[in-house]
Amino acid sequence: MPTDPAPDSRGEDRHDLAPGATVEELIRHRLSTALGGWRGSIETALPTVAFVVLWVWRKDLTVAIIGSVAVTVVLAVVCLVQRQSLQYVLSAVFPTAIAAFFALRSGKAEDAFLPGIIWNTVMLAVALVSVALRWPLVGFMVGAGDPRMADDPVGWHRDRGLVRVCQRLTLVLVGLFVVRLVIMVPLYLASQVALLGVAKVVLGWPLWLAGIGVMGLMLVKGHTPPELEVEPEGSAHSSPRGTL
């Protein structure tokens, strides 16, 4: 008695979009789940703004750090009262704590920005390596928007067309990290605390949104068809085979 044919892996992998959708449409659909709005940008920027304003006003490192932490706590309380997500407030807690540790340890206000500089350096290296290995960083962001993420976290990598597009999108991230470092490092070496604060805010969410805009234009203009690898018979999830 003949058995039913196995589900088509191409259709299954793209079940969250209409059949025949392009790679760019899939990426736009999944990346949308990872982006925050203006409220998120404000919540992540306010602790830095408080630090810079208090430093310029009082020239007291301890006061500036306490003010930054206090703003973070207030934002968290407001979110809890309004029953809003703490996602963006919490995303500022850890960097604020690390920045405070660096600054208090050295006694230099500019060292509050050193962790961010180090982080961007590390992310630049990670992005470049991910492109070189053809496991682009943006691909993992796309994978995070997949409804089947828990069952198949690297399923996105089986789509060769998606990988190629994510390679190009990751290069946009590389550009963002380079811009941040080119501006922030000289300001840090010159101990320009006020300008570092302004640069950190401007090069945070505003620059990120500009990068997303560039990615959006690339995705709107592109029409890359999916190129899924065929899963081996009897395998629940295929692994990448051969070169991409």
C-alpha atoms as a PDB file:
ATOM      1  CA  MET A   1       0.000   0.000   0.000  1.00  0.00           C
ATOM      2  CA  PRO A   2       1.602   3.312  -0.989  1.00  0.00           C
ATOM      3  CA  THR A   3       2.496   5.717   1.771  1.00  0.00           C
ATOM      4  CA  ASP A   4       1.688   9.390   1.821  1.00  0.00           C
ATOM      5  CA  PRO A   5       4.442  11.581   0.441  1.00  0.00           C
ATOM      6  CA  ALA A   6       6.635  13.383   2.932  1.00  0.00           C
ATOM      7  CA  PRO A   7       5.737  17.022   3.586  1.00  0.00           C
ATOM      8  CA  ASP A   8       7.482  19.400   1.247  1.00  0.00           C
ATOM      9  CA  SER A   9      10.298  21.012   3.197  1.00  0.00           C
ATOM     10  CA  ARG A  10      10.120  24.195   1.134  1.00  0.00           C
ATOM     11  CA  GLY A  11       6.469  24.811   1.970  1.00  0.00           C
ATOM     12  CA  GLU A  12       6.897  23.756   5.601  1.00  0.00           C
ATOM     13  CA  ASP A  13       9.825  26.110   6.173  1.00  0.00           C
ATOM     14  CA  ARG A  14       7.862  29.040   4.790  1.00  0.00           C
ATOM     15  CA  HIS A  15       4.468  28.299   6.338  1.00  0.00           C
ATOM     16  CA  ASP A  16       4.339  31.689   8.067  1.00  0.00           C
ATOM     17  CA  LEU A  17       4.045  33.422   4.670  1.00  0.00           C
ATOM     18  CA  ALA A  18       1.969  32.886   1.556  1.00  0.00           C
ATOM     19  CA  PRO A  19       3.284  30.301  -0.924  1.00  0.00           C
ATOM     20  CA  GLY A  20       5.640  31.770  -3.498  1.00  0.00           C
ATOM     21  CA  ALA A  21       6.901  34.540  -1.213  1.00  0.00           C
ATOM     22  CA  THR A  22      10.424  35.759  -1.868  1.00  0.00           C
ATOM     23  CA  VAL A  23      13.323  35.553   0.560  1.00  0.00           C
ATOM     24  CA  GLU A  24      13.100  39.315   1.092  1.00  0.00           C
ATOM     25  CA  GLU A  25       9.425  39.060   2.086  1.00  0.00           C
ATOM     26  CA  LEU A  26      10.235  36.319   4.575  1.00  0.00           C
ATOM     27  CA  ILE A  27      13.066  38.363   6.115  1.00  0.00           C
ATOM     28  CA  ARG A  28      10.908  41.496   6.385  1.00  0.00           C
ATOM     29  CA  HIS A  29       8.170  39.455   8.058  1.00  0.00           C
ATOM     30  CA  ARG A  30      10.464  37.856  10.631  1.00  0.00           C
ATOM     31  CA  LEU A  31      12.675  40.852  11.397  1.00  0.00           C
ATOM     32  CA  SER A  32       9.591  42.899  12.255  1.00  0.00           C
ATOM     33  CA  THR A  33       9.217  40.867  15.459  1.00  0.00           C
ATOM     34  CA  ALA A  34      12.662  41.946  16.664  1.00  0.00           C
ATOM     35  CA  LEU A  35      12.262  45.730  16.279  1.00  0.00           C
ATOM     36  CA  GLY A  36      11.055  48.137  18.928  1.00  0.00           C
ATOM     37  CA  GLY A  37       9.316  51.461  18.541  1.00  0.00           C
ATOM     38  CA  TRP A  38      10.120  54.969  19.690  1.00  0.00           C
ATOM     39  CA  ARG A  39       9.312  54.121  23.303  1.00  0.00           C
ATOM     40  CA  GLY A  40      12.013  51.483  23.294  1.00  0.00           C
ATOM     41  CA  SER A  41      14.548  53.945  21.918  1.00  0.00           C
ATOM     42  CA  ILE A  42      13.682  56.510  24.606  1.00  0.00           C
ATOM     43  CA  GLU A  43      13.862  53.979  27.421  1.00  0.00           C
ATOM     44  CA  THR A  44      17.308  52.799  26.356  1.00  0.00           C
ATOM     45  CA  ALA A  45      18.653  56.327  25.820  1.00  0.00           C
ATOM     46  CA  LEU A  46      17.415  58.121  28.961  1.00  0.00           C
ATOM     47  CA  PRO A  47      19.953  56.602  31.414  1.00  0.00           C
ATOM     48  CA  THR A  48      22.809  57.860  29.206  1.00  0.00           C
ATOM     49  CA  VAL A  49      21.189  61.277  28.857  1.00  0.00           C
ATOM     50  CA  ALA A  50      20.841  61.514  32.648  1.00  0.00           C
ATOM     51  CA  PHE A  51      24.492  60.556  33.135  1.00  0.00           C
ATOM     52  CA  VAL A  52      25.766  63.191  30.705  1.00  0.00           C
ATOM     53  CA  VAL A  53      23.507  65.994  31.960  1.00  0.00           C
ATOM     54  CA  LEU A  54      24.455  65.408  35.593  1.00  0.00           C
ATOM     55  CA  TRP A  55      28.142  65.120  34.737  1.00  0.00           C
ATOM     56  CA  VAL A  56      28.158  68.389  32.806  1.00  0.00           C
ATOM     57  CA  TRP A  57      26.183  70.096  35.575  1.00  0.00           C
ATOM     58  CA  ARG A  58      27.930  68.766  38.692  1.00  0.00           C
ATOM     59  CA  LYS A  59      31.227  67.311  37.425  1.00  0.00           C
ATOM     60  CA  ASP A  60      30.659  64.590  40.016  1.00  0.00           C
ATOM     61  CA  LEU A  61      31.005  61.018  38.778  1.00  0.00           C
ATOM     62  CA  THR A  62      29.092  59.484  41.690  1.00  0.00           C
ATOM     63  CA  VAL A  63      26.142  61.847  41.260  1.00  0.00           C
ATOM     64  CA  ALA A  64      26.033  61.154  37.511  1.00  0.00           C
ATOM     65  CA  ILE A  65      26.011  57.385  38.046  1.00  0.00           C
ATOM     66  CA  ILE A  66      23.367  57.534  40.784  1.00  0.00           C
ATOM     67  CA  GLY A  67      21.196  59.705  38.536  1.00  0.00           C
ATOM     68  CA  SER A  68      21.543  57.271  35.650  1.00  0.00           C
ATOM     69  CA  VAL A  69      20.595  54.323  37.849  1.00  0.00           C
ATOM     70  CA  ALA A  70      17.682  56.261  39.355  1.00  0.00           C
ATOM     71  CA  VAL A  71      16.283  57.013  35.887  1.00  0.00           C
ATOM     72  CA  THR A  72      16.476  53.309  35.025  1.00  0.00           C
ATOM     73  CA  VAL A  73      14.578  52.378  38.196  1.00  0.00           C
ATOM     74  CA  VAL A  74      11.891  55.014  37.533  1.00  0.00           C
ATOM     75  CA  LEU A  75      11.415  53.748  33.978  1.00  0.00           C
ATOM     76  CA  ALA A  76      11.021  50.197  35.284  1.00  0.00           C
ATOM     77  CA  VAL A  77       8.408  51.297  37.837  1.00  0.00           C
ATOM     78  CA  VAL A  78       6.472  53.229  35.166  1.00  0.00           C
ATOM     79  CA  CYS A  79       6.441  50.170  32.901  1.00  0.00           C
ATOM     80  CA  LEU A  80       5.201  47.972  35.741  1.00  0.00           C
ATOM     81  CA  VAL A  81       2.438  50.423  36.689  1.00  0.00           C
ATOM     82  CA  GLN A  82       1.346  50.697  33.046  1.00  0.00           C
ATOM     83  CA  ARG A  83       1.716  46.951  32.581  1.00  0.00           C
ATOM     84  CA  GLN A  84       4.117  47.538  29.705  1.00  0.00           C
ATOM     85  CA  SER A  85       7.000  45.311  28.664  1.00  0.00           C
ATOM     86  CA  LEU A  86      10.260  45.751  30.595  1.00  0.00           C
ATOM     87  CA  GLN A  87      12.243  44.549  27.578  1.00  0.00           C
ATOM     88  CA  TYR A  88      13.923  47.830  26.713  1.00  0.00           C
ATOM     89  CA  VAL A  89      14.359  49.024  30.292  1.00  0.00           C
ATOM     90  CA  LEU A  90      16.027  45.747  31.199  1.00  0.00           C
ATOM     91  CA  SER A  91      18.219  46.026  28.125  1.00  0.00           C
ATOM     92  CA  ALA A  92      19.606  49.242  29.641  1.00  0.00           C
ATOM     93  CA  VAL A  93      20.108  47.858  33.171  1.00  0.00           C
ATOM     94  CA  PHE A  94      23.095  45.627  32.472  1.00  0.00           C
ATOM     95  CA  PRO A  95      24.996  48.178  30.308  1.00  0.00           C
ATOM     96  CA  THR A  96      24.325  50.864  32.922  1.00  0.00           C
ATOM     97  CA  ALA A  97      25.711  48.668  35.696  1.00  0.00           C
ATOM     98  CA  ILE A  98      28.805  47.752  33.690  1.00  0.00           C
ATOM     99  CA  ALA A  99      29.393  51.389  32.712  1.00  0.00           C
ATOM    100  CA  ALA A 100      29.115  52.440  36.362  1.00  0.00           C
ATOM    101  CA  PHE A 101      31.612  49.761  37.394  1.00  0.00           C
ATOM    102  CA  PHE A 102      34.174  50.874  34.804  1.00  0.00           C
ATOM    103  CA  ALA A 103      33.799  54.558  35.666  1.00  0.00           C
ATOM    104  CA  LEU A 104      33.937  54.092  39.451  1.00  0.00           C
ATOM    105  CA  ARG A 105      36.916  51.763  39.205  1.00  0.00           C
ATOM    106  CA  SER A 106      39.038  54.247  37.225  1.00  0.00           C
ATOM    107  CA  GLY A 107      37.503  57.457  38.530  1.00  0.00           C
ATOM    108  CA  LYS A 108      37.203  58.747  34.955  1.00  0.00           C
ATOM    109  CA  ALA A 109      33.796  59.663  33.583  1.00  0.00           C
ATOM    110  CA  GLU A 110      34.772  58.748  30.020  1.00  0.00           C
ATOM    111  CA  ASP A 111      35.278  55.137  31.107  1.00  0.00           C
ATOM    112  CA  ALA A 112      31.508  54.839  31.447  1.00  0.00           C
ATOM    113  CA  PHE A 113      31.528  54.630  27.650  1.00  0.00           C
ATOM    114  CA  LEU A 114      34.361  52.110  27.391  1.00  0.00           C
ATOM    115  CA  PRO A 115      32.127  49.000  27.708  1.00  0.00           C
ATOM    116  CA  GLY A 116      30.074  50.213  24.743  1.00  0.00           C
ATOM    117  CA  ILE A 117      33.202  50.724  22.677  1.00  0.00           C
ATOM    118  CA  ILE A 118      34.434  47.247  23.586  1.00  0.00           C
ATOM    119  CA  TRP A 119      31.013  45.750  22.796  1.00  0.00           C
ATOM    120  CA  ASN A 120      30.895  47.353  19.358  1.00  0.00           C
ATOM    121  CA  THR A 121      34.430  46.130  18.653  1.00  0.00           C
ATOM    122  CA  VAL A 122      33.447  42.586  19.584  1.00  0.00           C
ATOM    123  CA  MET A 123      30.240  42.747  17.528  1.00  0.00           C
ATOM    124  CA  LEU A 124      32.160  44.094  14.535  1.00  0.00           C
ATOM    125  CA  ALA A 125      34.502  41.106  14.748  1.00  0.00           C
ATOM    126  CA  VAL A 126      31.579  38.686  15.183  1.00  0.00           C
ATOM    127  CA  ALA A 127      29.722  40.160  12.200  1.00  0.00           C
ATOM    128  CA  LEU A 128      32.789  39.966   9.962  1.00  0.00           C
ATOM    129  CA  VAL A 129      33.542  36.380  11.010  1.00  0.00           C
ATOM    130  CA  SER A 130      29.896  35.382  10.508  1.00  0.00           C
ATOM    131  CA  VAL A 131      30.025  36.704   6.935  1.00  0.00           C
ATOM    132  CA  ALA A 132      33.348  34.965   6.271  1.00  0.00           C
ATOM    133  CA  LEU A 133      31.928  31.647   7.534  1.00  0.00           C
ATOM    134  CA  ARG A 134      28.654  32.196   5.645  1.00  0.00           C
ATOM    135  CA  TRP A 135      26.605  32.031   8.839  1.00  0.00           C
ATOM    136  CA  PRO A 136      25.574  35.718   8.736  1.00  0.00           C
ATOM    137  CA  LEU A 137      24.583  37.401  11.976  1.00  0.00           C
ATOM    138  CA  VAL A 138      21.316  38.718  10.521  1.00  0.00           C
ATOM    139  CA  GLY A 139      20.360  35.143   9.715  1.00  0.00           C
ATOM    140  CA  PHE A 140      20.121  34.392  13.437  1.00  0.00           C
ATOM    141  CA  MET A 141      17.869  37.436  13.861  1.00  0.00           C
ATOM    142  CA  VAL A 142      15.669  36.107  11.060  1.00  0.00           C
ATOM    143  CA  GLY A 143      15.684  32.677  12.696  1.00  0.00           C
ATOM    144  CA  ALA A 144      14.525  34.237  15.974  1.00  0.00           C
ATOM    145  CA  GLY A 145      11.332  35.319  14.201  1.00  0.00           C
ATOM    146  CA  ASP A 146      10.594  31.779  12.985  1.00  0.00           C
ATOM    147  CA  PRO A 147       7.578  30.225  14.781  1.00  0.00           C
ATOM    148  CA  ARG A 148       9.504  26.926  14.783  1.00  0.00           C
ATOM    149  CA  MET A 149      12.622  28.444  16.359  1.00  0.00           C
ATOM    150  CA  ALA A 150      12.622  26.094  19.372  1.00  0.00           C
ATOM    151  CA  ASP A 151      12.422  22.981  17.193  1.00  0.00           C
ATOM    152  CA  ASP A 152      14.831  24.055  14.461  1.00  0.00           C
ATOM    153  CA  PRO A 153      16.984  27.066  15.518  1.00  0.00           C
ATOM    154  CA  VAL A 154      19.219  26.980  12.431  1.00  0.00           C
ATOM    155  CA  GLY A 155      16.599  25.967   9.878  1.00  0.00           C
ATOM    156  CA  TRP A 156      17.056  29.331   8.136  1.00  0.00           C
ATOM    157  CA  HIS A 157      20.548  28.248   7.050  1.00  0.00           C
ATOM    158  CA  ARG A 158      19.137  25.596   4.734  1.00  0.00           C
ATOM    159  CA  ASP A 159      17.780  28.332   2.458  1.00  0.00           C
ATOM    160  CA  ARG A 160      20.721  29.359   0.294  1.00  0.00           C
ATOM    161  CA  GLY A 161      18.907  32.376  -1.081  1.00  0.00           C
ATOM    162  CA  LEU A 162      18.115  33.572   2.425  1.00  0.00           C
ATOM    163  CA  VAL A 163      21.754  33.140   3.462  1.00  0.00           C
ATOM    164  CA  ARG A 164      22.954  35.236   0.517  1.00  0.00           C
ATOM    165  CA  VAL A 165      20.555  38.062   1.349  1.00  0.00           C
ATOM    166  CA  CYS A 166      21.470  37.899   5.053  1.00  0.00           C
ATOM    167  CA  GLN A 167      25.137  38.139   4.076  1.00  0.00           C
ATOM    168  CA  ARG A 168      24.450  41.518   2.463  1.00  0.00           C
ATOM    169  CA  LEU A 169      22.282  42.683   5.359  1.00  0.00           C
ATOM    170  CA  THR A 170      24.993  41.741   7.849  1.00  0.00           C
ATOM    171  CA  LEU A 171      27.421  43.973   5.967  1.00  0.00           C
ATOM    172  CA  VAL A 172      25.063  46.855   6.793  1.00  0.00           C
ATOM    173  CA  LEU A 173      25.534  45.992  10.477  1.00  0.00           C
ATOM    174  CA  VAL A 174      29.291  45.980   9.897  1.00  0.00           C
ATOM    175  CA  GLY A 175      28.969  49.524   8.602  1.00  0.00           C
ATOM    176  CA  LEU A 176      27.025  50.574  11.725  1.00  0.00           C
ATOM    177  CA  PHE A 177      29.667  49.194  14.063  1.00  0.00           C
ATOM    178  CA  VAL A 178      32.442  50.864  12.072  1.00  0.00           C
ATOM    179  CA  VAL A 179      30.680  54.257  12.196  1.00  0.00           C
ATOM    180  CA  ARG A 180      30.243  53.985  15.963  1.00  0.00           C
ATOM    181  CA  LEU A 181      33.878  53.103  16.554  1.00  0.00           C
ATOM    182  CA  VAL A 182      35.245  55.747  14.177  1.00  0.00           C
ATOM    183  CA  ILE A 183      33.343  58.428  16.108  1.00  0.00           C
ATOM    184  CA  MET A 184      33.459  57.108  19.669  1.00  0.00           C
ATOM    185  CA  VAL A 185      37.093  56.016  19.948  1.00  0.00           C
ATOM    186  CA  PRO A 186      38.642  59.450  19.196  1.00  0.00           C
ATOM    187  CA  LEU A 187      36.188  61.122  21.602  1.00  0.00           C
ATOM    188  CA  TYR A 188      37.068  58.589  24.294  1.00  0.00           C
ATOM    189  CA  LEU A 189      40.802  59.112  23.821  1.00  0.00           C
ATOM    190  CA  ALA A 190      40.237  62.880  24.053  1.00  0.00           C
ATOM    191  CA  SER A 191      38.131  62.468  27.243  1.00  0.00           C
ATOM    192  CA  GLN A 192      35.192  64.352  25.694  1.00  0.00           C
ATOM    193  CA  VAL A 193      32.504  63.122  28.087  1.00  0.00           C
ATOM    194  CA  ALA A 194      29.681  65.396  26.909  1.00  0.00           C
ATOM    195  CA  LEU A 195      30.312  64.606  23.235  1.00  0.00           C
ATOM    196  CA  LEU A 196      30.584  60.914  24.071  1.00  0.00           C
ATOM    197  CA  GLY A 197      27.124  61.082  25.620  1.00  0.00           C
ATOM    198  CA  VAL A 198      25.648  62.844  22.605  1.00  0.00           C
ATOM    199  CA  ALA A 199      27.360  60.399  20.252  1.00  0.00           C
ATOM    200  CA  LYS A 200      26.156  57.387  22.238  1.00  0.00           C
ATOM    201  CA  VAL A 201      22.531  58.541  22.023  1.00  0.00           C
ATOM    202  CA  VAL A 202      22.687  59.525  18.335  1.00  0.00           C
ATOM    203  CA  LEU A 203      24.612  56.392  17.377  1.00  0.00           C
ATOM    204  CA  GLY A 204      22.259  54.177  19.342  1.00  0.00           C
ATOM    205  CA  TRP A 205      18.648  53.758  18.214  1.00  0.00           C
ATOM    206  CA  PRO A 206      18.677  56.562  15.610  1.00  0.00           C
ATOM    207  CA  LEU A 207      21.621  54.968  13.791  1.00  0.00           C
ATOM    208  CA  TRP A 208      20.092  51.514  14.233  1.00  0.00           C
ATOM    209  CA  LEU A 209      16.821  52.715  12.691  1.00  0.00           C
ATOM    210  CA  ALA A 210      18.776  54.273   9.814  1.00  0.00           C
ATOM    211  CA  GLY A 211      20.465  50.919   9.271  1.00  0.00           C
ATOM    212  CA  ILE A 212      17.081  49.200   9.331  1.00  0.00           C
ATOM    213  CA  GLY A 213      15.951  51.710   6.703  1.00  0.00           C
ATOM    214  CA  VAL A 214      18.858  50.743   4.457  1.00  0.00           C
ATOM    215  CA  MET A 215      18.048  47.074   4.989  1.00  0.00           C
ATOM    216  CA  GLY A 216      14.414  47.794   4.194  1.00  0.00           C
ATOM    217  CA  LEU A 217      15.332  49.365   0.854  1.00  0.00           C
ATOM    218  CA  MET A 218      17.483  46.352   0.023  1.00  0.00           C
ATOM    219  CA  LEU A 219      14.623  44.010   0.901  1.00  0.00           C
ATOM    220  CA  VAL A 220      12.034  45.976  -1.073  1.00  0.00           C
ATOM    221  CA  LYS A 221      14.167  45.996  -4.222  1.00  0.00           C
ATOM    222  CA  GLY A 222      15.247  42.357  -3.999  1.00  0.00           C
ATOM    223  CA  HIS A 223      13.309  39.404  -5.397  1.00  0.00           C
ATOM    224  CA  THR A 224      15.436  36.411  -4.397  1.00  0.00           C
ATOM    225  CA  PRO A 225      13.658  33.047  -4.712  1.00  0.00           C
ATOM    226  CA  PRO A 226      14.026  30.507  -1.873  1.00  0.00           C
ATOM    227  CA  GLU A 227      16.638  27.791  -2.418  1.00  0.00           C
ATOM    228  CA  LEU A 228      16.034  25.270   0.326  1.00  0.00           C
ATOM    229  CA  GLU A 229      18.250  22.213   0.600  1.00  0.00           C
ATOM    230  CA  VAL A 230      16.436  18.885   0.466  1.00  0.00           C
ATOM    231  CA  GLU A 231      16.171  17.100   3.816  1.00  0.00           C
ATOM    232  CA  PRO A 232      17.640  13.592   3.920  1.00  0.00           C
ATOM    233  CA  GLU A 233      14.895  10.944   4.019  1.00  0.00           C
ATOM    234  CA  GLY A 234      13.934  10.053   7.570  1.00  0.00           C
ATOM    235  CA  SER A 235      15.600  13.103   9.099  1.00  0.00           C
ATOM    236  CA  ALA A 236      13.557  15.493  11.219  1.00  0.00           C
ATOM    237  CA  HIS A 237      15.864  18.432  10.507  1.00  0.00           C
ATOM    238  CA  SER A 238      18.469  18.496   7.827  1.00  0.00           C
ATOM    239  CA  SER A 239      21.899  19.892   8.416  1.00  0.00           C
ATOM    240  CA  PRO A 240      23.645  22.162   5.903  1.00  0.00           C
ATOM    241  CA  ARG A 241      25.338  20.170   3.181  1.00  0.00           C
ATOM    242  CA  GLY A 242      28.020  21.269   0.826  1.00  0.00           C
ATOM    243  CA  THR A 243      28.782  24.879   0.076  1.00  0.00           C
ATOM    244  CA  LEU A 244      26.192  27.608   0.042  1.00  0.00           C
END
